[in-house]
Amino acid sequence: MAIDPQLLEILACPQCKEDVKLTTDEKGLKCVKCHRVYPIKEDIPVMLIDEATIEPERPTKD
Protein backbone atom coordinates (compact mmCIF):
# COMPACT_ATOMS: atom_id res chain seq x y z
CA MET A 1 0.00 0.00 0.00
CA ALA A 2 1.39 3.39 -1.02
CA ILE A 3 1.13 6.71 0.77
CA ASP A 4 -2.20 8.40 0.07
CA PRO A 5 -1.61 11.41 -2.23
CA GLN A 6 -3.89 13.58 -0.07
CA LEU A 7 -1.80 12.76 3.00
CA LEU A 8 1.39 13.55 1.10
CA GLU A 9 -0.02 16.99 0.24
CA ILE A 10 -0.48 17.97 3.89
CA LEU A 11 2.68 16.45 5.39
CA ALA A 12 5.56 18.82 6.10
CA CYS A 13 9.05 18.41 7.51
CA PRO A 14 8.87 18.86 11.29
CA GLN A 15 12.32 20.50 11.27
CA CYS A 16 11.90 23.26 8.68
CA LYS A 17 8.17 23.04 7.78
CA GLU A 18 8.84 22.55 4.04
CA ASP A 19 7.24 20.03 1.69
CA VAL A 20 8.31 16.39 1.66
CA LYS A 21 8.45 14.18 -1.42
CA LEU A 22 8.40 10.41 -1.71
CA THR A 23 11.89 8.95 -2.25
CA THR A 24 12.58 7.04 -5.46
CA ASP A 25 12.58 3.71 -3.59
CA GLU A 26 9.31 4.71 -1.83
CA LYS A 27 10.77 3.83 1.59
CA GLY A 28 10.88 7.37 2.89
CA LEU A 29 9.81 10.98 2.60
CA LYS A 30 12.53 13.53 1.82
CA CYS A 31 12.35 17.19 2.73
CA VAL A 32 12.90 19.48 -0.25
CA LYS A 33 14.84 22.01 1.87
CA CYS A 34 16.89 20.31 4.60
CA HIS A 35 17.12 16.89 2.85
CA ARG A 36 16.05 14.90 5.90
CA VAL A 37 14.59 11.53 4.97
CA TYR A 38 11.81 10.30 7.22
CA PRO A 39 11.30 6.52 7.04
CA ILE A 40 8.04 4.84 6.12
CA LYS A 41 7.43 1.80 8.35
CA GLU A 42 4.48 -0.51 7.68
CA ASP A 43 3.00 2.13 5.32
CA ILE A 44 3.11 4.81 8.04
CA PRO A 45 5.46 7.82 7.72
CA VAL A 46 7.57 8.29 10.85
CA MET A 47 7.80 12.08 10.98
CA LEU A 48 10.18 12.31 13.96
CA ILE A 49 13.36 14.36 13.61
CA ASP A 50 15.32 11.80 15.65
CA GLU A 51 14.29 9.02 13.23
CA ALA A 52 15.33 10.95 10.11
CA THR A 53 18.59 10.67 8.23
CA ILE A 54 20.11 13.51 6.25
CA GLU A 55 20.74 12.72 2.61
CA PRO A 56 22.93 15.10 0.62
CA GLU A 57 21.42 16.89 -2.33
CA ARG A 58 22.18 15.14 -5.59
CA PRO A 59 23.85 17.35 -8.18
CA THR A 60 21.75 18.05 -11.24
CA LYS A 61 23.00 17.32 -14.74
CA ASP A 62 23.16 20.26 -17.15
C-alpha atoms as a PDB file:
ATOM      1  CA  MET A   1       0.000   0.000   0.000  1.00  0.00           C
ATOM      2  CA  ALA A   2       1.389   3.386  -1.018  1.00  0.00           C
ATOM      3  CA  ILE A   3       1.127   6.706   0.772  1.00  0.00           C
ATOM      4  CA  ASP A   4      -2.202   8.398   0.071  1.00  0.00           C
ATOM      5  CA  PRO A   5      -1.606  11.412  -2.235  1.00  0.00           C
ATOM      6  CA  GLN A   6      -3.887  13.580  -0.072  1.00  0.00           C
ATOM      7  CA  LEU A   7      -1.796  12.755   3.002  1.00  0.00           C
ATOM      8  CA  LEU A   8       1.395  13.548   1.101  1.00  0.00           C
ATOM      9  CA  GLU A   9      -0.016  16.987   0.238  1.00  0.00           C
ATOM     10  CA  ILE A  10      -0.480  17.969   3.892  1.00  0.00           C
ATOM     11  CA  LEU A  11       2.681  16.449   5.386  1.00  0.00           C
ATOM     12  CA  ALA A  12       5.558  18.819   6.102  1.00  0.00           C
ATOM     13  CA  CYS A  13       9.046  18.413   7.505  1.00  0.00           C
ATOM     14  CA  PRO A  14       8.868  18.859  11.286  1.00  0.00           C
ATOM     15  CA  GLN A  15      12.316  20.500  11.271  1.00  0.00           C
ATOM     16  CA  CYS A  16      11.898  23.257   8.683  1.00  0.00           C
ATOM     17  CA  LYS A  17       8.175  23.042   7.780  1.00  0.00           C
ATOM     18  CA  GLU A  18       8.845  22.553   4.043  1.00  0.00           C
ATOM     19  CA  ASP A  19       7.239  20.025   1.693  1.00  0.00           C
ATOM     20  CA  VAL A  20       8.308  16.391   1.659  1.00  0.00           C
ATOM     21  CA  LYS A  21       8.450  14.175  -1.420  1.00  0.00           C
ATOM     22  CA  LEU A  22       8.402  10.407  -1.713  1.00  0.00           C
ATOM     23  CA  THR A  23      11.891   8.953  -2.250  1.00  0.00           C
ATOM     24  CA  THR A  24      12.577   7.041  -5.455  1.00  0.00           C
ATOM     25  CA  ASP A  25      12.582   3.714  -3.589  1.00  0.00           C
ATOM     26  CA  GLU A  26       9.309   4.712  -1.833  1.00  0.00           C
ATOM     27  CA  LYS A  27      10.771   3.826   1.589  1.00  0.00           C
ATOM     28  CA  GLY A  28      10.883   7.367   2.895  1.00  0.00           C
ATOM     29  CA  LEU A  29       9.807  10.983   2.603  1.00  0.00           C
ATOM     30  CA  LYS A  30      12.527  13.527   1.818  1.00  0.00           C
ATOM     31  CA  CYS A  31      12.354  17.193   2.731  1.00  0.00           C
ATOM     32  CA  VAL A  32      12.904  19.484  -0.251  1.00  0.00           C
ATOM     33  CA  LYS A  33      14.843  22.012   1.865  1.00  0.00           C
ATOM     34  CA  CYS A  34      16.888  20.311   4.602  1.00  0.00           C
ATOM     35  CA  HIS A  35      17.119  16.893   2.847  1.00  0.00           C
ATOM     36  CA  ARG A  36      16.053  14.903   5.900  1.00  0.00           C
ATOM     37  CA  VAL A  37      14.594  11.535   4.969  1.00  0.00           C
ATOM     38  CA  TYR A  38      11.809  10.296   7.217  1.00  0.00           C
ATOM     39  CA  PRO A  39      11.295   6.517   7.041  1.00  0.00           C
ATOM     40  CA  ILE A  40       8.037   4.836   6.117  1.00  0.00           C
ATOM     41  CA  LYS A  41       7.428   1.803   8.345  1.00  0.00           C
ATOM     42  CA  GLU A  42       4.475  -0.512   7.678  1.00  0.00           C
ATOM     43  CA  ASP A  43       2.995   2.130   5.318  1.00  0.00           C
ATOM     44  CA  ILE A  44       3.113   4.808   8.044  1.00  0.00           C
ATOM     45  CA  PRO A  45       5.457   7.818   7.718  1.00  0.00           C
ATOM     46  CA  VAL A  46       7.571   8.286  10.854  1.00  0.00           C
ATOM     47  CA  MET A  47       7.804  12.081  10.982  1.00  0.00           C
ATOM     48  CA  LEU A  48      10.179  12.307  13.957  1.00  0.00           C
ATOM     49  CA  ILE A  49      13.356  14.359  13.606  1.00  0.00           C
ATOM     50  CA  ASP A  50      15.317  11.801  15.652  1.00  0.00           C
ATOM     51  CA  GLU A  51      14.286   9.016  13.235  1.00  0.00           C
ATOM     52  CA  ALA A  52      15.330  10.946  10.106  1.00  0.00           C
ATOM     53  CA  THR A  53      18.589  10.669   8.232  1.00  0.00           C
ATOM     54  CA  ILE A  54      20.111  13.512   6.246  1.00  0.00           C
ATOM     55  CA  GLU A  55      20.741  12.723   2.612  1.00  0.00           C
ATOM     56  CA  PRO A  56      22.931  15.103   0.616  1.00  0.00           C
ATOM     57  CA  GLU A  57      21.418  16.888  -2.329  1.00  0.00           C
ATOM     58  CA  ARG A  58      22.181  15.143  -5.595  1.00  0.00           C
ATOM     59  CA  PRO A  59      23.854  17.348  -8.177  1.00  0.00           C
ATOM     60  CA  THR A  60      21.754  18.049 -11.239  1.00  0.00           C
ATOM     61  CA  LYS A  61      23.001  17.321 -14.736  1.00  0.00           C
ATOM     62  CA  ASP A  62      23.156  20.257 -17.155  1.00  0.00           C
END
